[in-house]
Amino acid sequence: MLASATAFASERDRDTTRLGDVIGRLAERVASGEDVVGGWYLTGQRFLSVCLIACSPHRMRPEIPCPVGATT
């Protein structure tokens, strides 16, 4: 996301220092077993939606195993 910072619509969201801090906090939340959902308006009437699902163990649903390695 940092490489694409110039595509963010608001000047506040284009600040790479702030964006790096946001990404770091989101990564910590996922690592601690919490899902993360975010959205940002981009230039050109576009919208970026990011959904990260925590896996093994999930903080709220530890009984559900991570699907990594599962085959269909």
PDB file of N, CA and C in Angstrom:
ATOM      1  N   MET A   1       0.814  -1.180   0.000  1.00  0.00           N
ATOM      2  CA  MET A   1       0.000   0.000   0.000  1.00  0.00           C
ATOM      3  C   MET A   1       0.866   1.255   0.000  1.00  0.00           C
ATOM      4  N   LEU A   2       2.017   1.210   0.613  1.00  0.00           N
ATOM      5  CA  LEU A   2       2.870   2.397   0.640  1.00  0.00           C
ATOM      6  C   LEU A   2       3.302   2.814  -0.753  1.00  0.00           C
ATOM      7  N   ALA A   3       3.571   1.853  -1.625  1.00  0.00           N
ATOM      8  CA  ALA A   3       3.997   2.171  -2.985  1.00  0.00           C
ATOM      9  C   ALA A   3       2.904   2.874  -3.769  1.00  0.00           C
ATOM     10  N   SER A   4       1.659   2.666  -3.379  1.00  0.00           N
ATOM     11  CA  SER A   4       0.525   3.270  -4.078  1.00  0.00           C
ATOM     12  C   SER A   4      -0.055   4.454  -3.322  1.00  0.00           C
ATOM     13  N   ALA A   5       0.687   5.019  -2.387  1.00  0.00           N
ATOM     14  CA  ALA A   5       0.169   6.093  -1.538  1.00  0.00           C
ATOM     15  C   ALA A   5      -0.326   7.284  -2.345  1.00  0.00           C
ATOM     16  N   THR A   6       0.259   7.560  -3.481  1.00  0.00           N
ATOM     17  CA  THR A   6      -0.165   8.719  -4.283  1.00  0.00           C
ATOM     18  C   THR A   6      -1.569   8.540  -4.848  1.00  0.00           C
ATOM     19  N   ALA A   7      -2.093   7.322  -4.858  1.00  0.00           N
ATOM     20  CA  ALA A   7      -3.433   7.074  -5.393  1.00  0.00           C
ATOM     21  C   ALA A   7      -4.537   7.402  -4.392  1.00  0.00           C
ATOM     22  N   PHE A   8      -4.205   7.596  -3.119  1.00  0.00           N
ATOM     23  CA  PHE A   8      -5.221   7.919  -2.129  1.00  0.00           C
ATOM     24  C   PHE A   8      -5.791   9.304  -2.389  1.00  0.00           C
ATOM     25  N   ALA A   9      -7.103   9.446  -2.217  1.00  0.00           N
ATOM     26  CA  ALA A   9      -7.779  10.697  -2.537  1.00  0.00           C
ATOM     27  C   ALA A   9      -7.445  11.807  -1.542  1.00  0.00           C
ATOM     28  N   SER A  10      -7.345  11.480  -0.265  1.00  0.00           N
ATOM     29  CA  SER A  10      -7.099  12.534   0.725  1.00  0.00           C
ATOM     30  C   SER A  10      -5.603  12.706   0.985  1.00  0.00           C
ATOM     31  N   GLU A  11      -5.223  13.938   1.238  1.00  0.00           N
ATOM     32  CA  GLU A  11      -3.824  14.237   1.529  1.00  0.00           C
ATOM     33  C   GLU A  11      -3.371  13.510   2.795  1.00  0.00           C
ATOM     34  N   ARG A  12      -4.250  13.416   3.764  1.00  0.00           N
ATOM     35  CA  ARG A  12      -3.934  12.726   5.015  1.00  0.00           C
ATOM     36  C   ARG A  12      -3.573  11.261   4.759  1.00  0.00           C
ATOM     37  N   ASP A  13      -4.320  10.592   3.894  1.00  0.00           N
ATOM     38  CA  ASP A  13      -4.050   9.183   3.597  1.00  0.00           C
ATOM     39  C   ASP A  13      -2.809   8.997   2.732  1.00  0.00           C
ATOM     40  N   ARG A  14      -2.377  10.037   2.026  1.00  0.00           N
ATOM     41  CA  ARG A  14      -1.165   9.945   1.197  1.00  0.00           C
ATOM     42  C   ARG A  14       0.117  10.082   2.012  1.00  0.00           C
ATOM     43  N   ASP A  15       0.008  10.496   3.255  1.00  0.00           N
ATOM     44  CA  ASP A  15       1.171  10.656   4.128  1.00  0.00           C
ATOM     45  C   ASP A  15       1.761   9.273   4.415  1.00  0.00           C
ATOM     46  N   THR A  16       2.921   8.970   3.833  1.00  0.00           N
ATOM     47  CA  THR A  16       3.494   7.618   3.942  1.00  0.00           C
ATOM     48  C   THR A  16       3.896   7.260   5.366  1.00  0.00           C
ATOM     49  N   THR A  17       4.278   8.252   6.172  1.00  0.00           N
ATOM     50  CA  THR A  17       4.619   7.970   7.567  1.00  0.00           C
ATOM     51  C   THR A  17       3.378   7.503   8.310  1.00  0.00           C
ATOM     52  N   ARG A  18       2.286   8.243   8.164  1.00  0.00           N
ATOM     53  CA  ARG A  18       1.029   7.874   8.805  1.00  0.00           C
ATOM     54  C   ARG A  18       0.533   6.532   8.284  1.00  0.00           C
ATOM     55  N   LEU A  19       0.603   6.335   6.966  1.00  0.00           N
ATOM     56  CA  LEU A  19       0.143   5.099   6.351  1.00  0.00           C
ATOM     57  C   LEU A  19       0.947   3.903   6.865  1.00  0.00           C
ATOM     58  N   GLY A  20       2.253   4.082   7.005  1.00  0.00           N
ATOM     59  CA  GLY A  20       3.092   3.014   7.557  1.00  0.00           C
ATOM     60  C   GLY A  20       2.685   2.653   8.975  1.00  0.00           C
ATOM     61  N   ASP A  21       2.346   3.677   9.778  1.00  0.00           N
ATOM     62  CA  ASP A  21       1.885   3.433  11.148  1.00  0.00           C
ATOM     63  C   ASP A  21       0.569   2.659  11.145  1.00  0.00           C
ATOM     64  N   VAL A  22      -0.349   3.046  10.272  1.00  0.00           N
ATOM     65  CA  VAL A  22      -1.647   2.363  10.170  1.00  0.00           C
ATOM     66  C   VAL A  22      -1.438   0.900   9.790  1.00  0.00           C
ATOM     67  N   ILE A  23      -0.611   0.650   8.791  1.00  0.00           N
ATOM     68  CA  ILE A  23      -0.340  -0.721   8.342  1.00  0.00           C
ATOM     69  C   ILE A  23       0.275  -1.544   9.484  1.00  0.00           C
ATOM     70  N   GLY A  24       1.193  -0.944  10.222  1.00  0.00           N
ATOM     71  CA  GLY A  24       1.809  -1.637  11.350  1.00  0.00           C
ATOM     72  C   GLY A  24       0.797  -2.029  12.412  1.00  0.00           C
ATOM     73  N   ARG A  25      -0.122  -1.112  12.748  1.00  0.00           N
ATOM     74  CA  ARG A  25      -1.148  -1.416  13.750  1.00  0.00           C
ATOM     75  C   ARG A  25      -2.092  -2.508  13.249  1.00  0.00           C
ATOM     76  N   LEU A  26      -2.453  -2.448  11.962  1.00  0.00           N
ATOM     77  CA  LEU A  26      -3.335  -3.473  11.410  1.00  0.00           C
ATOM     78  C   LEU A  26      -2.664  -4.843  11.427  1.00  0.00           C
ATOM     79  N   ALA A  27      -1.383  -4.885  11.095  1.00  0.00           N
ATOM     80  CA  ALA A  27      -0.642  -6.155  11.111  1.00  0.00           C
ATOM     81  C   ALA A  27      -0.584  -6.726  12.526  1.00  0.00           C
ATOM     82  N   GLU A  28      -0.406  -5.866  13.522  1.00  0.00           N
ATOM     83  CA  GLU A  28      -0.388  -6.328  14.909  1.00  0.00           C
ATOM     84  C   GLU A  28      -1.732  -6.921  15.302  1.00  0.00           C
ATOM     85  N   ARG A  29      -2.826  -6.288  14.865  1.00  0.00           N
ATOM     86  CA  ARG A  29      -4.159  -6.792  15.194  1.00  0.00           C
ATOM     87  C   ARG A  29      -4.395  -8.168  14.582  1.00  0.00           C
ATOM     88  N   VAL A  30      -4.010  -8.350  13.323  1.00  0.00           N
ATOM     89  CA  VAL A  30      -4.190  -9.656  12.674  1.00  0.00           C
ATOM     90  C   VAL A  30      -3.322 -10.703  13.369  1.00  0.00           C
ATOM     91  N   ALA A  31      -2.090 -10.340  13.700  1.00  0.00           N
ATOM     92  CA  ALA A  31      -1.190 -11.282  14.369  1.00  0.00           C
ATOM     93  C   ALA A  31      -1.723 -11.701  15.739  1.00  0.00           C
ATOM     94  N   SER A  32      -2.528 -10.837  16.365  1.00  0.00           N
ATOM     95  CA  SER A  32      -3.076 -11.177  17.684  1.00  0.00           C
ATOM     96  C   SER A  32      -4.407 -11.916  17.580  1.00  0.00           C
ATOM     97  N   GLY A  33      -4.816 -12.273  16.351  1.00  0.00           N
ATOM     98  CA  GLY A  33      -6.017 -13.071  16.170  1.00  0.00           C
ATOM     99  C   GLY A  33      -7.280 -12.280  15.914  1.00  0.00           C
ATOM    100  N   GLU A  34      -7.139 -11.057  15.450  1.00  0.00           N
ATOM    101  CA  GLU A  34      -8.294 -10.190  15.205  1.00  0.00           C
ATOM    102  C   GLU A  34      -8.433  -9.929  13.707  1.00  0.00           C
ATOM    103  N   ASP A  35      -9.652 -10.001  13.179  1.00  0.00           N
ATOM    104  CA  ASP A  35      -9.898  -9.665  11.777  1.00  0.00           C
ATOM    105  C   ASP A  35      -9.795  -8.151  11.598  1.00  0.00           C
ATOM    106  N   VAL A  36      -9.433  -7.721  10.394  1.00  0.00           N
ATOM    107  CA  VAL A  36      -9.294  -6.294  10.097  1.00  0.00           C
ATOM    108  C   VAL A  36      -9.999  -5.991   8.786  1.00  0.00           C
ATOM    109  N   VAL A  37     -10.784  -4.921   8.803  1.00  0.00           N
ATOM    110  CA  VAL A  37     -11.470  -4.454   7.597  1.00  0.00           C
ATOM    111  C   VAL A  37     -11.197  -2.966   7.467  1.00  0.00           C
ATOM    112  N   GLY A  38     -10.832  -2.531   6.274  1.00  0.00           N
ATOM    113  CA  GLY A  38     -10.573  -1.113   6.053  1.00  0.00           C
ATOM    114  C   GLY A  38     -10.972  -0.704   4.655  1.00  0.00           C
ATOM    115  N   GLY A  39     -11.167   0.589   4.464  1.00  0.00           N
ATOM    116  CA  GLY A  39     -11.514   1.091   3.151  1.00  0.00           C
ATOM    117  C   GLY A  39     -11.019   2.515   2.968  1.00  0.00           C
ATOM    118  N   TRP A  40     -10.550   2.820   1.769  1.00  0.00           N
ATOM    119  CA  TRP A  40     -10.013   4.136   1.456  1.00  0.00           C
ATOM    120  C   TRP A  40     -10.496   4.581   0.091  1.00  0.00           C
ATOM    121  N   TYR A  41     -10.867   5.851  -0.006  1.00  0.00           N
ATOM    122  CA  TYR A  41     -11.196   6.431  -1.302  1.00  0.00           C
ATOM    123  C   TYR A  41      -9.899   6.737  -2.039  1.00  0.00           C
ATOM    124  N   LEU A  42      -9.884   6.402  -3.318  1.00  0.00           N
ATOM    125  CA  LEU A  42      -8.737   6.663  -4.178  1.00  0.00           C
ATOM    126  C   LEU A  42      -9.116   7.706  -5.216  1.00  0.00           C
ATOM    127  N   THR A  43      -8.124   8.186  -5.938  1.00  0.00           N
ATOM    128  CA  THR A  43      -8.398   9.127  -7.011  1.00  0.00           C
ATOM    129  C   THR A  43      -9.142   8.406  -8.136  1.00  0.00           C
ATOM    130  N   GLY A  44      -9.788   9.152  -8.998  1.00  0.00           N
ATOM    131  CA  GLY A  44     -10.470   8.554 -10.138  1.00  0.00           C
ATOM    132  C   GLY A  44     -11.734   7.802  -9.771  1.00  0.00           C
ATOM    133  N   GLN A  45     -12.411   8.227  -8.724  1.00  0.00           N
ATOM    134  CA  GLN A  45     -13.663   7.598  -8.289  1.00  0.00           C
ATOM    135  C   GLN A  45     -13.519   6.107  -8.018  1.00  0.00           C
ATOM    136  N   ARG A  46     -12.409   5.736  -7.376  1.00  0.00           N
ATOM    137  CA  ARG A  46     -12.156   4.340  -7.016  1.00  0.00           C
ATOM    138  C   ARG A  46     -12.164   4.210  -5.501  1.00  0.00           C
ATOM    139  N   PHE A  47     -12.334   2.983  -5.030  1.00  0.00           N
ATOM    140  CA  PHE A  47     -12.347   2.700  -3.598  1.00  0.00           C
ATOM    141  C   PHE A  47     -11.544   1.425  -3.355  1.00  0.00           C
ATOM    142  N   LEU A  48     -10.654   1.464  -2.389  1.00  0.00           N
ATOM    143  CA  LEU A  48      -9.849   0.303  -2.013  1.00  0.00           C
ATOM    144  C   LEU A  48     -10.433  -0.308  -0.750  1.00  0.00           C
ATOM    145  N   SER A  49     -10.787  -1.567  -0.815  1.00  0.00           N
ATOM    146  CA  SER A  49     -11.318  -2.290   0.329  1.00  0.00           C
ATOM    147  C   SER A  49     -10.351  -3.415   0.668  1.00  0.00           C
ATOM    148  N   VAL A  50      -9.967  -3.488   1.946  1.00  0.00           N
ATOM    149  CA  VAL A  50      -9.037  -4.517   2.403  1.00  0.00           C
ATOM    150  C   VAL A  50      -9.680  -5.279   3.554  1.00  0.00           C
ATOM    151  N   CYS A  51      -9.714  -6.602   3.431  1.00  0.00           N
ATOM    152  CA  CYS A  51     -10.260  -7.463   4.478  1.00  0.00           C
ATOM    153  C   CYS A  51      -9.218  -8.530   4.803  1.00  0.00           C
ATOM    154  N   LEU A  52      -8.741  -8.528   6.036  1.00  0.00           N
ATOM    155  CA  LEU A  52      -7.757  -9.518   6.478  1.00  0.00           C
ATOM    156  C   LEU A  52      -8.398 -10.372   7.558  1.00  0.00           C
ATOM    157  N   ILE A  53      -8.367 -11.666   7.361  1.00  0.00           N
ATOM    158  CA  ILE A  53      -8.976 -12.590   8.299  1.00  0.00           C
ATOM    159  C   ILE A  53      -7.873 -13.271   9.110  1.00  0.00           C
ATOM    160  N   ALA A  54      -7.961 -13.149  10.425  1.00  0.00           N
ATOM    161  CA  ALA A  54      -6.976 -13.774  11.306  1.00  0.00           C
ATOM    162  C   ALA A  54      -7.149 -15.290  11.274  1.00  0.00           C
ATOM    163  N   CYS A  55      -6.059 -15.981  11.520  1.00  0.00           N
ATOM    164  CA  CYS A  55      -6.090 -17.426  11.387  1.00  0.00           C
ATOM    165  C   CYS A  55      -5.260 -18.084  12.490  1.00  0.00           C
ATOM    166  N   SER A  56      -5.822 -19.109  13.077  1.00  0.00           N
ATOM    167  CA  SER A  56      -5.175 -20.019  14.035  1.00  0.00           C
ATOM    168  C   SER A  56      -4.252 -19.365  15.057  1.00  0.00           C
ATOM    169  N   PRO A  57      -4.693 -19.105  16.199  1.00  0.00           N
ATOM    170  CA  PRO A  57      -6.089 -19.138  16.622  1.00  0.00           C
ATOM    171  C   PRO A  57      -6.729 -17.766  16.451  1.00  0.00           C
ATOM    172  N   HIS A  58      -7.957 -17.770  16.051  1.00  0.00           N
ATOM    173  CA  HIS A  58      -8.729 -16.537  15.938  1.00  0.00           C
ATOM    174  C   HIS A  58      -9.179 -16.168  17.348  1.00  0.00           C
ATOM    175  N   ARG A  59      -9.061 -14.905  17.698  1.00  0.00           N
ATOM    176  CA  ARG A  59      -9.362 -14.458  19.060  1.00  0.00           C
ATOM    177  C   ARG A  59     -10.806 -14.748  19.477  1.00  0.00           C
ATOM    178  N   MET A  60     -11.762 -14.527  18.568  1.00  0.00           N
ATOM    179  CA  MET A  60     -13.169 -14.706  18.901  1.00  0.00           C
ATOM    180  C   MET A  60     -13.674 -16.128  18.646  1.00  0.00           C
ATOM    181  N   ARG A  61     -13.040 -16.851  17.721  1.00  0.00           N
ATOM    182  CA  ARG A  61     -13.503 -18.201  17.361  1.00  0.00           C
ATOM    183  C   ARG A  61     -12.320 -19.169  17.312  1.00  0.00           C
ATOM    184  N   PRO A  62     -11.661 -19.422  18.430  1.00  0.00           N
ATOM    185  CA  PRO A  62     -10.477 -20.280  18.437  1.00  0.00           C
ATOM    186  C   PRO A  62     -10.764 -21.724  18.036  1.00  0.00           C
ATOM    187  N   GLU A  63     -12.028 -22.139  18.071  1.00  0.00           N
ATOM    188  CA  GLU A  63     -12.354 -23.523  17.719  1.00  0.00           C
ATOM    189  C   GLU A  63     -12.345 -23.770  16.215  1.00  0.00           C
ATOM    190  N   ILE A  64     -12.333 -22.708  15.417  1.00  0.00           N
ATOM    191  CA  ILE A  64     -12.319 -22.861  13.964  1.00  0.00           C
ATOM    192  C   ILE A  64     -10.872 -22.879  13.491  1.00  0.00           C
ATOM    193  N   PRO A  65     -10.418 -23.978  12.894  1.00  0.00           N
ATOM    194  CA  PRO A  65      -9.015 -24.066  12.479  1.00  0.00           C
ATOM    195  C   PRO A  65      -8.748 -23.244  11.216  1.00  0.00           C
ATOM    196  N   CYS A  66      -7.507 -22.942  11.035  1.00  0.00           N
ATOM    197  CA  CYS A  66      -7.056 -22.216   9.854  1.00  0.00           C
ATOM    198  C   CYS A  66      -7.142 -23.125   8.638  1.00  0.00           C
ATOM    199  N   PRO A  67      -7.650 -22.626   7.511  1.00  0.00           N
ATOM    200  CA  PRO A  67      -7.769 -23.481   6.321  1.00  0.00           C
ATOM    201  C   PRO A  67      -6.464 -23.682   5.546  1.00  0.00           C
ATOM    202  N   VAL A  68      -5.377 -23.070   5.986  1.00  0.00           N
ATOM    203  CA  VAL A  68      -4.116 -23.226   5.282  1.00  0.00           C
ATOM    204  C   VAL A  68      -3.740 -24.694   5.220  1.00  0.00           C
ATOM    205  N   GLY A  69      -3.414 -25.152   4.041  1.00  0.00           N
ATOM    206  CA  GLY A  69      -3.058 -26.550   3.863  1.00  0.00           C
ATOM    207  C   GLY A  69      -4.230 -27.449   3.573  1.00  0.00           C
ATOM    208  N   ALA A  70      -5.434 -26.904   3.684  1.00  0.00           N
ATOM    209  CA  ALA A  70      -6.622 -27.710   3.394  1.00  0.00           C
ATOM    210  C   ALA A  70      -6.739 -27.910   1.894  1.00  0.00           C
ATOM    211  N   THR A  71      -7.247 -29.062   1.518  1.00  0.00           N
ATOM    212  CA  THR A  71      -7.480 -29.339   0.088  1.00  0.00           C
ATOM    213  C   THR A  71      -8.958 -29.442  -0.151  1.00  0.00           C
ATOM    214  N   THR A  72      -9.349 -29.139  -1.379  1.00  0.00           N
ATOM    215  CA  THR A  72     -10.789 -29.213  -1.705  1.00  0.00           C
ATOM    216  C   THR A  72     -11.078 -30.401  -2.569  1.00  0.00           C
TER     217      THR A  72
END
